[in-house]
Amino acid sequence: MTIDKTRAHWIAKLGAAGIPSGPIQDVAQAMRDPQILARNMVVDVLDRNGRPAYKAAGNPIKMTGLGDPTVRPAAPDLDGDRGEILRWLEGKG
């Protein structure tokens, strides 16, 4: 039975047979996975003072020549970007 062997045993056995495989992880394990971290799939979201407030999913789309930030800025205040948005709309109108 599969339950009689460790996860590492089965991953090694499948790999030796040429079958791609990987472990099933819970959210906490996935958030610490070295490959996920290396691909910027977990990023810091900053608070209003520029300090990391919490971790969130990074951009899953990776394209050569485009940035892949490891940090997201804090969200603007409610209605905080009104002037900039209106200027943009007027320039496009």
PDB file of N, CA and C in Angstrom:
ATOM      1  N   MET A   1       0.838  -1.195   0.000  1.00  0.00           N
ATOM      2  CA  MET A   1       0.000   0.000   0.000  1.00  0.00           C
ATOM      3  C   MET A   1       0.877   1.251   0.000  1.00  0.00           C
ATOM      4  N   THR A   2       0.347   2.287  -0.576  1.00  0.00           N
ATOM      5  CA  THR A   2       1.122   3.534  -0.634  1.00  0.00           C
ATOM      6  C   THR A   2       1.331   4.153   0.741  1.00  0.00           C
ATOM      7  N   ILE A   3       0.439   3.899   1.646  1.00  0.00           N
ATOM      8  CA  ILE A   3       0.553   4.507   2.977  1.00  0.00           C
ATOM      9  C   ILE A   3       1.720   3.926   3.786  1.00  0.00           C
ATOM     10  N   ASP A   4       2.212   2.767   3.382  1.00  0.00           N
ATOM     11  CA  ASP A   4       3.303   2.113   4.105  1.00  0.00           C
ATOM     12  C   ASP A   4       4.670   2.743   3.815  1.00  0.00           C
ATOM     13  N   LYS A   5       4.764   3.598   2.808  1.00  0.00           N
ATOM     14  CA  LYS A   5       6.041   4.221   2.426  1.00  0.00           C
ATOM     15  C   LYS A   5       5.925   5.739   2.547  1.00  0.00           C
ATOM     16  N   THR A   6       7.061   6.386   2.629  1.00  0.00           N
ATOM     17  CA  THR A   6       7.068   7.850   2.771  1.00  0.00           C
ATOM     18  C   THR A   6       6.812   8.529   1.432  1.00  0.00           C
ATOM     19  N   ARG A   7       6.478   9.776   1.518  1.00  0.00           N
ATOM     20  CA  ARG A   7       6.291  10.592   0.316  1.00  0.00           C
ATOM     21  C   ARG A   7       7.575  10.628  -0.502  1.00  0.00           C
ATOM     22  N   ALA A   8       8.718  10.800   0.172  1.00  0.00           N
ATOM     23  CA  ALA A   8      10.012  10.844  -0.520  1.00  0.00           C
ATOM     24  C   ALA A   8      10.281   9.535  -1.266  1.00  0.00           C
ATOM     25  N   HIS A   9       9.916   8.416  -0.669  1.00  0.00           N
ATOM     26  CA  HIS A   9      10.093   7.119  -1.328  1.00  0.00           C
ATOM     27  C   HIS A   9       9.349   7.074  -2.658  1.00  0.00           C
ATOM     28  N   TRP A  10       8.070   7.504  -2.640  1.00  0.00           N
ATOM     29  CA  TRP A  10       7.265   7.421  -3.858  1.00  0.00           C
ATOM     30  C   TRP A  10       7.713   8.421  -4.922  1.00  0.00           C
ATOM     31  N   ILE A  11       8.117   9.600  -4.507  1.00  0.00           N
ATOM     32  CA  ILE A  11       8.608  10.583  -5.478  1.00  0.00           C
ATOM     33  C   ILE A  11       9.873  10.056  -6.148  1.00  0.00           C
ATOM     34  N   ALA A  12      10.769   9.453  -5.364  1.00  0.00           N
ATOM     35  CA  ALA A  12      12.002   8.881  -5.927  1.00  0.00           C
ATOM     36  C   ALA A  12      11.675   7.728  -6.870  1.00  0.00           C
ATOM     37  N   LYS A  13      10.749   6.877  -6.478  1.00  0.00           N
ATOM     38  CA  LYS A  13      10.384   5.722  -7.304  1.00  0.00           C
ATOM     39  C   LYS A  13       9.738   6.171  -8.620  1.00  0.00           C
ATOM     40  N   LEU A  14       8.846   7.129  -8.556  1.00  0.00           N
ATOM     41  CA  LEU A  14       8.220   7.647  -9.772  1.00  0.00           C
ATOM     42  C   LEU A  14       9.249   8.334 -10.662  1.00  0.00           C
ATOM     43  N   GLY A  15      10.143   9.106 -10.052  1.00  0.00           N
ATOM     44  CA  GLY A  15      11.194   9.771 -10.816  1.00  0.00           C
ATOM     45  C   GLY A  15      12.105   8.784 -11.515  1.00  0.00           C
ATOM     46  N   ALA A  16      12.462   7.703 -10.827  1.00  0.00           N
ATOM     47  CA  ALA A  16      13.314   6.670 -11.423  1.00  0.00           C
ATOM     48  C   ALA A  16      12.622   5.992 -12.604  1.00  0.00           C
ATOM     49  N   ALA A  17      11.290   5.964 -12.580  1.00  0.00           N
ATOM     50  CA  ALA A  17      10.527   5.356 -13.674  1.00  0.00           C
ATOM     51  C   ALA A  17      10.241   6.368 -14.789  1.00  0.00           C
ATOM     52  N   GLY A  18      10.741   7.595 -14.637  1.00  0.00           N
ATOM     53  CA  GLY A  18      10.521   8.617 -15.659  1.00  0.00           C
ATOM     54  C   GLY A  18       9.165   9.282 -15.589  1.00  0.00           C
ATOM     55  N   ILE A  19       8.519   9.177 -14.456  1.00  0.00           N
ATOM     56  CA  ILE A  19       7.190   9.779 -14.283  1.00  0.00           C
ATOM     57  C   ILE A  19       7.336  11.079 -13.499  1.00  0.00           C
ATOM     58  N   PRO A  20       7.032  12.223 -14.110  1.00  0.00           N
ATOM     59  CA  PRO A  20       7.129  13.487 -13.376  1.00  0.00           C
ATOM     60  C   PRO A  20       6.176  13.478 -12.180  1.00  0.00           C
ATOM     61  N   SER A  21       6.656  13.936 -11.052  1.00  0.00           N
ATOM     62  CA  SER A  21       5.817  13.948  -9.858  1.00  0.00           C
ATOM     63  C   SER A  21       6.351  14.979  -8.878  1.00  0.00           C
ATOM     64  N   GLY A  22       5.569  15.277  -7.912  1.00  0.00           N
ATOM     65  CA  GLY A  22       5.956  16.188  -6.848  1.00  0.00           C
ATOM     66  C   GLY A  22       5.019  16.002  -5.680  1.00  0.00           C
ATOM     67  N   PRO A  23       5.388  16.538  -4.549  1.00  0.00           N
ATOM     68  CA  PRO A  23       4.567  16.352  -3.360  1.00  0.00           C
ATOM     69  C   PRO A  23       3.303  17.209  -3.390  1.00  0.00           C
ATOM     70  N   ILE A  24       2.268  16.744  -2.740  1.00  0.00           N
ATOM     71  CA  ILE A  24       1.082  17.559  -2.498  1.00  0.00           C
ATOM     72  C   ILE A  24       1.382  18.358  -1.241  1.00  0.00           C
ATOM     73  N   GLN A  25       1.214  19.664  -1.337  1.00  0.00           N
ATOM     74  CA  GLN A  25       1.559  20.543  -0.218  1.00  0.00           C
ATOM     75  C   GLN A  25       0.330  21.293   0.269  1.00  0.00           C
ATOM     76  N   ASP A  26       0.323  21.603   1.566  1.00  0.00           N
ATOM     77  CA  ASP A  26      -0.710  22.500   2.053  1.00  0.00           C
ATOM     78  C   ASP A  26      -0.239  23.934   1.785  1.00  0.00           C
ATOM     79  N   VAL A  27      -1.049  24.918   2.089  1.00  0.00           N
ATOM     80  CA  VAL A  27      -0.718  26.309   1.768  1.00  0.00           C
ATOM     81  C   VAL A  27       0.563  26.749   2.474  1.00  0.00           C
ATOM     82  N   ALA A  28       0.712  26.414   3.732  1.00  0.00           N
ATOM     83  CA  ALA A  28       1.914  26.824   4.479  1.00  0.00           C
ATOM     84  C   ALA A  28       3.175  26.228   3.854  1.00  0.00           C
ATOM     85  N   GLN A  29       3.124  24.974   3.451  1.00  0.00           N
ATOM     86  CA  GLN A  29       4.286  24.344   2.806  1.00  0.00           C
ATOM     87  C   GLN A  29       4.572  24.994   1.453  1.00  0.00           C
ATOM     88  N   ALA A  30       3.534  25.253   0.686  1.00  0.00           N
ATOM     89  CA  ALA A  30       3.721  25.874  -0.628  1.00  0.00           C
ATOM     90  C   ALA A  30       4.327  27.266  -0.494  1.00  0.00           C
ATOM     91  N   MET A  31       3.927  28.011   0.513  1.00  0.00           N
ATOM     92  CA  MET A  31       4.449  29.372   0.709  1.00  0.00           C
ATOM     93  C   MET A  31       5.921  29.371   1.108  1.00  0.00           C
ATOM     94  N   ARG A  32       6.443  28.231   1.548  1.00  0.00           N
ATOM     95  CA  ARG A  32       7.866  28.113   1.918  1.00  0.00           C
ATOM     96  C   ARG A  32       8.671  27.327   0.885  1.00  0.00           C
ATOM     97  N   ASP A  33       8.036  26.818  -0.156  1.00  0.00           N
ATOM     98  CA  ASP A  33       8.711  25.979  -1.141  1.00  0.00           C
ATOM     99  C   ASP A  33       9.798  26.778  -1.859  1.00  0.00           C
ATOM    100  N   PRO A  34      11.039  26.275  -1.889  1.00  0.00           N
ATOM    101  CA  PRO A  34      12.146  27.023  -2.505  1.00  0.00           C
ATOM    102  C   PRO A  34      11.898  27.384  -3.970  1.00  0.00           C
ATOM    103  N   GLN A  35      11.280  26.513  -4.745  1.00  0.00           N
ATOM    104  CA  GLN A  35      11.025  26.815  -6.160  1.00  0.00           C
ATOM    105  C   GLN A  35       9.996  27.928  -6.298  1.00  0.00           C
ATOM    106  N   ILE A  36       8.972  27.882  -5.496  1.00  0.00           N
ATOM    107  CA  ILE A  36       7.943  28.926  -5.535  1.00  0.00           C
ATOM    108  C   ILE A  36       8.548  30.266  -5.145  1.00  0.00           C
ATOM    109  N   LEU A  37       9.375  30.268  -4.106  1.00  0.00           N
ATOM    110  CA  LEU A  37      10.021  31.515  -3.683  1.00  0.00           C
ATOM    111  C   LEU A  37      10.994  32.025  -4.738  1.00  0.00           C
ATOM    112  N   ALA A  38      11.740  31.127  -5.379  1.00  0.00           N
ATOM    113  CA  ALA A  38      12.714  31.528  -6.396  1.00  0.00           C
ATOM    114  C   ALA A  38      12.027  32.144  -7.613  1.00  0.00           C
ATOM    115  N   ARG A  39      10.791  31.777  -7.872  1.00  0.00           N
ATOM    116  CA  ARG A  39      10.055  32.307  -9.040  1.00  0.00           C
ATOM    117  C   ARG A  39       9.210  33.524  -8.694  1.00  0.00           C
ATOM    118  N   ASN A  40       9.405  34.102  -7.507  1.00  0.00           N
ATOM    119  CA  ASN A  40       8.631  35.269  -7.054  1.00  0.00           C
ATOM    120  C   ASN A  40       7.129  35.013  -7.083  1.00  0.00           C
ATOM    121  N   MET A  41       6.751  33.810  -6.724  1.00  0.00           N
ATOM    122  CA  MET A  41       5.336  33.480  -6.672  1.00  0.00           C
ATOM    123  C   MET A  41       4.707  33.877  -5.337  1.00  0.00           C
ATOM    124  N   VAL A  42       5.543  34.311  -4.403  1.00  0.00           N
ATOM    125  CA  VAL A  42       5.086  34.863  -3.134  1.00  0.00           C
ATOM    126  C   VAL A  42       5.800  36.200  -2.974  1.00  0.00           C
ATOM    127  N   VAL A  43       5.023  37.266  -2.792  1.00  0.00           N
ATOM    128  CA  VAL A  43       5.609  38.599  -2.668  1.00  0.00           C
ATOM    129  C   VAL A  43       5.126  39.274  -1.393  1.00  0.00           C
ATOM    130  N   ASP A  44       5.897  40.250  -0.935  1.00  0.00           N
ATOM    131  CA  ASP A  44       5.486  41.072   0.199  1.00  0.00           C
ATOM    132  C   ASP A  44       4.580  42.188  -0.293  1.00  0.00           C
ATOM    133  N   VAL A  45       3.500  42.448   0.434  1.00  0.00           N
ATOM    134  CA  VAL A  45       2.651  43.603   0.178  1.00  0.00           C
ATOM    135  C   VAL A  45       2.956  44.592   1.297  1.00  0.00           C
ATOM    136  N   LEU A  46       3.311  45.811   0.908  1.00  0.00           N
ATOM    137  CA  LEU A  46       3.743  46.810   1.873  1.00  0.00           C
ATOM    138  C   LEU A  46       2.565  47.524   2.518  1.00  0.00           C
ATOM    139  N   ASP A  47       2.799  47.998   3.752  1.00  0.00           N
ATOM    140  CA  ASP A  47       1.809  48.845   4.397  1.00  0.00           C
ATOM    141  C   ASP A  47       2.078  50.302   4.008  1.00  0.00           C
ATOM    142  N   ARG A  48       1.340  51.217   4.539  1.00  0.00           N
ATOM    143  CA  ARG A  48       1.481  52.637   4.185  1.00  0.00           C
ATOM    144  C   ARG A  48       2.830  53.229   4.569  1.00  0.00           C
ATOM    145  N   ASN A  49       3.546  52.566   5.480  1.00  0.00           N
ATOM    146  CA  ASN A  49       4.858  53.064   5.903  1.00  0.00           C
ATOM    147  C   ASN A  49       6.006  52.357   5.177  1.00  0.00           C
ATOM    148  N   GLY A  50       5.675  51.546   4.178  1.00  0.00           N
ATOM    149  CA  GLY A  50       6.703  50.868   3.398  1.00  0.00           C
ATOM    150  C   GLY A  50       7.248  49.598   4.020  1.00  0.00           C
ATOM    151  N   ARG A  51       6.603  49.112   5.070  1.00  0.00           N
ATOM    152  CA  ARG A  51       7.037  47.864   5.717  1.00  0.00           C
ATOM    153  C   ARG A  51       6.197  46.701   5.194  1.00  0.00           C
ATOM    154  N   PRO A  52       6.787  45.490   5.123  1.00  0.00           N
ATOM    155  CA  PRO A  52       5.984  44.332   4.701  1.00  0.00           C
ATOM    156  C   PRO A  52       4.806  44.121   5.650  1.00  0.00           C
ATOM    157  N   ALA A  53       3.600  44.106   5.105  1.00  0.00           N
ATOM    158  CA  ALA A  53       2.398  43.925   5.911  1.00  0.00           C
ATOM    159  C   ALA A  53       1.937  42.469   5.886  1.00  0.00           C
ATOM    160  N   TYR A  54       2.021  41.856   4.720  1.00  0.00           N
ATOM    161  CA  TYR A  54       1.632  40.450   4.596  1.00  0.00           C
ATOM    162  C   TYR A  54       2.177  39.896   3.281  1.00  0.00           C
ATOM    163  N   LYS A  55       2.064  38.609   3.109  1.00  0.00           N
ATOM    164  CA  LYS A  55       2.521  37.947   1.893  1.00  0.00           C
ATOM    165  C   LYS A  55       1.304  37.639   1.024  1.00  0.00           C
ATOM    166  N   ALA A  56       1.518  37.701  -0.291  1.00  0.00           N
ATOM    167  CA  ALA A  56       0.437  37.433  -1.235  1.00  0.00           C
ATOM    168  C   ALA A  56       1.006  36.715  -2.451  1.00  0.00           C
ATOM    169  N   ALA A  57       0.125  36.235  -3.299  1.00  0.00           N
ATOM    170  CA  ALA A  57       0.549  35.567  -4.529  1.00  0.00           C
ATOM    171  C   ALA A  57       1.205  36.574  -5.466  1.00  0.00           C
ATOM    172  N   GLY A  58       2.332  36.165  -6.059  1.00  0.00           N
ATOM    173  CA  GLY A  58       3.009  36.993  -7.045  1.00  0.00           C
ATOM    174  C   GLY A  58       2.368  36.818  -8.415  1.00  0.00           C
ATOM    175  N   ASN A  59       2.882  37.543  -9.393  1.00  0.00           N
ATOM    176  CA  ASN A  59       2.365  37.453 -10.748  1.00  0.00           C
ATOM    177  C   ASN A  59       2.732  36.090 -11.336  1.00  0.00           C
ATOM    178  N   PRO A  60       1.743  35.296 -11.748  1.00  0.00           N
ATOM    179  CA  PRO A  60       2.052  33.966 -12.284  1.00  0.00           C
ATOM    180  C   PRO A  60       2.564  33.995 -13.719  1.00  0.00           C
ATOM    181  N   ILE A  61       2.443  35.135 -14.397  1.00  0.00           N
ATOM    182  CA  ILE A  61       2.874  35.238 -15.795  1.00  0.00           C
ATOM    183  C   ILE A  61       4.284  35.799 -15.835  1.00  0.00           C
ATOM    184  N   LYS A  62       5.219  35.018 -16.330  1.00  0.00           N
ATOM    185  CA  LYS A  62       6.620  35.422 -16.417  1.00  0.00           C
ATOM    186  C   LYS A  62       6.984  35.579 -17.881  1.00  0.00           C
ATOM    187  N   MET A  63       7.474  36.775 -18.259  1.00  0.00           N
ATOM    188  CA  MET A  63       7.842  37.028 -19.648  1.00  0.00           C
ATOM    189  C   MET A  63       9.199  37.718 -19.692  1.00  0.00           C
ATOM    190  N   THR A  64      10.052  37.258 -20.565  1.00  0.00           N
ATOM    191  CA  THR A  64      11.374  37.843 -20.738  1.00  0.00           C
ATOM    192  C   THR A  64      11.235  39.321 -21.070  1.00  0.00           C
ATOM    193  N   GLY A  65      12.036  40.132 -20.426  1.00  0.00           N
ATOM    194  CA  GLY A  65      12.032  41.564 -20.698  1.00  0.00           C
ATOM    195  C   GLY A  65      11.038  42.359 -19.875  1.00  0.00           C
ATOM    196  N   LEU A  66      10.176  41.688 -19.133  1.00  0.00           N
ATOM    197  CA  LEU A  66       9.233  42.389 -18.276  1.00  0.00           C
ATOM    198  C   LEU A  66       9.639  42.198 -16.822  1.00  0.00           C
ATOM    199  N   GLY A  67       9.396  43.204 -16.024  1.00  0.00           N
ATOM    200  CA  GLY A  67       9.751  43.136 -14.608  1.00  0.00           C
ATOM    201  C   GLY A  67       8.964  42.063 -13.870  1.00  0.00           C
ATOM    202  N   ASP A  68       9.535  41.600 -12.795  1.00  0.00           N
ATOM    203  CA  ASP A  68       8.883  40.611 -11.937  1.00  0.00           C
ATOM    204  C   ASP A  68       9.115  41.052 -10.496  1.00  0.00           C
ATOM    205  N   PRO A  69       8.382  42.079 -10.055  1.00  0.00           N
ATOM    206  CA  PRO A  69       8.643  42.643  -8.737  1.00  0.00           C
ATOM    207  C   PRO A  69       8.429  41.638  -7.602  1.00  0.00           C
ATOM    208  N   THR A  70       9.248  41.777  -6.573  1.00  0.00           N
ATOM    209  CA  THR A  70       9.136  40.909  -5.401  1.00  0.00           C
ATOM    210  C   THR A  70       8.309  41.574  -4.304  1.00  0.00           C
ATOM    211  N   VAL A  71       7.880  42.813  -4.553  1.00  0.00           N
ATOM    212  CA  VAL A  71       7.125  43.585  -3.566  1.00  0.00           C
ATOM    213  C   VAL A  71       5.981  44.301  -4.278  1.00  0.00           C
ATOM    214  N   ARG A  72       4.840  44.387  -3.603  1.00  0.00           N
ATOM    215  CA  ARG A  72       3.718  45.193  -4.095  1.00  0.00           C
ATOM    216  C   ARG A  72       3.571  46.396  -3.173  1.00  0.00           C
ATOM    217  N   PRO A  73       3.323  47.568  -3.747  1.00  0.00           N
ATOM    218  CA  PRO A  73       3.111  48.735  -2.889  1.00  0.00           C
ATOM    219  C   PRO A  73       1.771  48.638  -2.163  1.00  0.00           C
ATOM    220  N   ALA A  74       1.611  49.472  -1.158  1.00  0.00           N
ATOM    221  CA  ALA A  74       0.335  49.527  -0.445  1.00  0.00           C
ATOM    222  C   ALA A  74      -0.744  50.035  -1.401  1.00  0.00           C
ATOM    223  N   ALA A  75      -1.973  49.630  -1.155  1.00  0.00           N
ATOM    224  CA  ALA A  75      -3.088  50.129  -1.958  1.00  0.00           C
ATOM    225  C   ALA A  75      -3.272  51.616  -1.668  1.00  0.00           C
ATOM    226  N   PRO A  76      -3.726  52.379  -2.650  1.00  0.00           N
ATOM    227  CA  PRO A  76      -3.942  53.805  -2.407  1.00  0.00           C
ATOM    228  C   PRO A  76      -5.106  54.009  -1.440  1.00  0.00           C
ATOM    229  N   ASP A  77      -5.137  55.189  -0.813  1.00  0.00           N
ATOM    230  CA  ASP A  77      -6.280  55.541   0.026  1.00  0.00           C
ATOM    231  C   ASP A  77      -7.533  55.568  -0.829  1.00  0.00           C
ATOM    232  N   LEU A  78      -8.670  55.362  -0.200  1.00  0.00           N
ATOM    233  CA  LEU A  78      -9.930  55.446  -0.910  1.00  0.00           C
ATOM    234  C   LEU A  78     -10.017  56.802  -1.598  1.00  0.00           C
ATOM    235  N   ASP A  79     -10.205  56.802  -2.896  1.00  0.00           N
ATOM    236  CA  ASP A  79     -10.294  58.007  -3.717  1.00  0.00           C
ATOM    237  C   ASP A  79      -8.958  58.744  -3.806  1.00  0.00           C
ATOM    238  N   GLY A  80      -7.875  58.086  -3.388  1.00  0.00           N
ATOM    239  CA  GLY A  80      -6.567  58.729  -3.340  1.00  0.00           C
ATOM    240  C   GLY A  80      -5.969  59.039  -4.698  1.00  0.00           C
ATOM    241  N   ASP A  81      -6.380  58.335  -5.734  1.00  0.00           N
ATOM    242  CA  ASP A  81      -5.825  58.552  -7.075  1.00  0.00           C
ATOM    243  C   ASP A  81      -6.795  59.287  -7.994  1.00  0.00           C
ATOM    244  N   ARG A  82      -7.825  59.901  -7.427  1.00  0.00           N
ATOM    245  CA  ARG A  82      -8.863  60.549  -8.234  1.00  0.00           C
ATOM    246  C   ARG A  82      -8.280  61.568  -9.206  1.00  0.00           C
ATOM    247  N   GLY A  83      -7.447  62.471  -8.733  1.00  0.00           N
ATOM    248  CA  GLY A  83      -6.894  63.516  -9.586  1.00  0.00           C
ATOM    249  C   GLY A  83      -6.097  62.945 -10.747  1.00  0.00           C
ATOM    250  N   GLU A  84      -5.247  61.977 -10.445  1.00  0.00           N
ATOM    251  CA  GLU A  84      -4.428  61.359 -11.491  1.00  0.00           C
ATOM    252  C   GLU A  84      -5.297  60.640 -12.518  1.00  0.00           C
ATOM    253  N   ILE A  85      -6.319  59.960 -12.054  1.00  0.00           N
ATOM    254  CA  ILE A  85      -7.209  59.242 -12.964  1.00  0.00           C
ATOM    255  C   ILE A  85      -7.984  60.224 -13.841  1.00  0.00           C
ATOM    256  N   LEU A  86      -8.485  61.293 -13.253  1.00  0.00           N
ATOM    257  CA  LEU A  86      -9.229  62.278 -14.048  1.00  0.00           C
ATOM    258  C   LEU A  86      -8.330  62.946 -15.086  1.00  0.00           C
ATOM    259  N   ARG A  87      -7.092  63.281 -14.707  1.00  0.00           N
ATOM    260  CA  ARG A  87      -6.156  63.859 -15.679  1.00  0.00           C
ATOM    261  C   ARG A  87      -5.898  62.887 -16.816  1.00  0.00           C
ATOM    262  N   TRP A  88      -5.731  61.615 -16.487  1.00  0.00           N
ATOM    263  CA  TRP A  88      -5.502  60.595 -17.507  1.00  0.00           C
ATOM    264  C   TRP A  88      -6.703  60.500 -18.454  1.00  0.00           C
ATOM    265  N   LEU A  89      -7.911  60.505 -17.868  1.00  0.00           N
ATOM    266  CA  LEU A  89      -9.115  60.416 -18.691  1.00  0.00           C
ATOM    267  C   LEU A  89      -9.265  61.623 -19.593  1.00  0.00           C
ATOM    268  N   GLU A  90      -8.974  62.803 -19.097  1.00  0.00           N
ATOM    269  CA  GLU A  90      -9.082  64.024 -19.893  1.00  0.00           C
ATOM    270  C   GLU A  90      -8.085  63.989 -21.050  1.00  0.00           C
ATOM    271  N   GLY A  91      -6.911  63.466 -20.814  1.00  0.00           N
ATOM    272  CA  GLY A  91      -5.901  63.375 -21.875  1.00  0.00           C
ATOM    273  C   GLY A  91      -6.269  62.345 -22.933  1.00  0.00           C
ATOM    274  N   LYS A  92      -7.058  61.355 -22.555  1.00  0.00           N
ATOM    275  CA  LYS A  92      -7.462  60.301 -23.492  1.00  0.00           C
ATOM    276  C   LYS A  92      -8.752  60.676 -24.228  1.00  0.00           C
ATOM    277  N   GLY A  93      -9.515  61.649 -23.675  1.00  0.00           N
ATOM    278  CA  GLY A  93     -10.825  61.969 -24.208  1.00  0.00           C
ATOM    279  C   GLY A  93     -10.767  62.706 -25.471  1.00  0.00           C
TER     280      GLY A  93
END
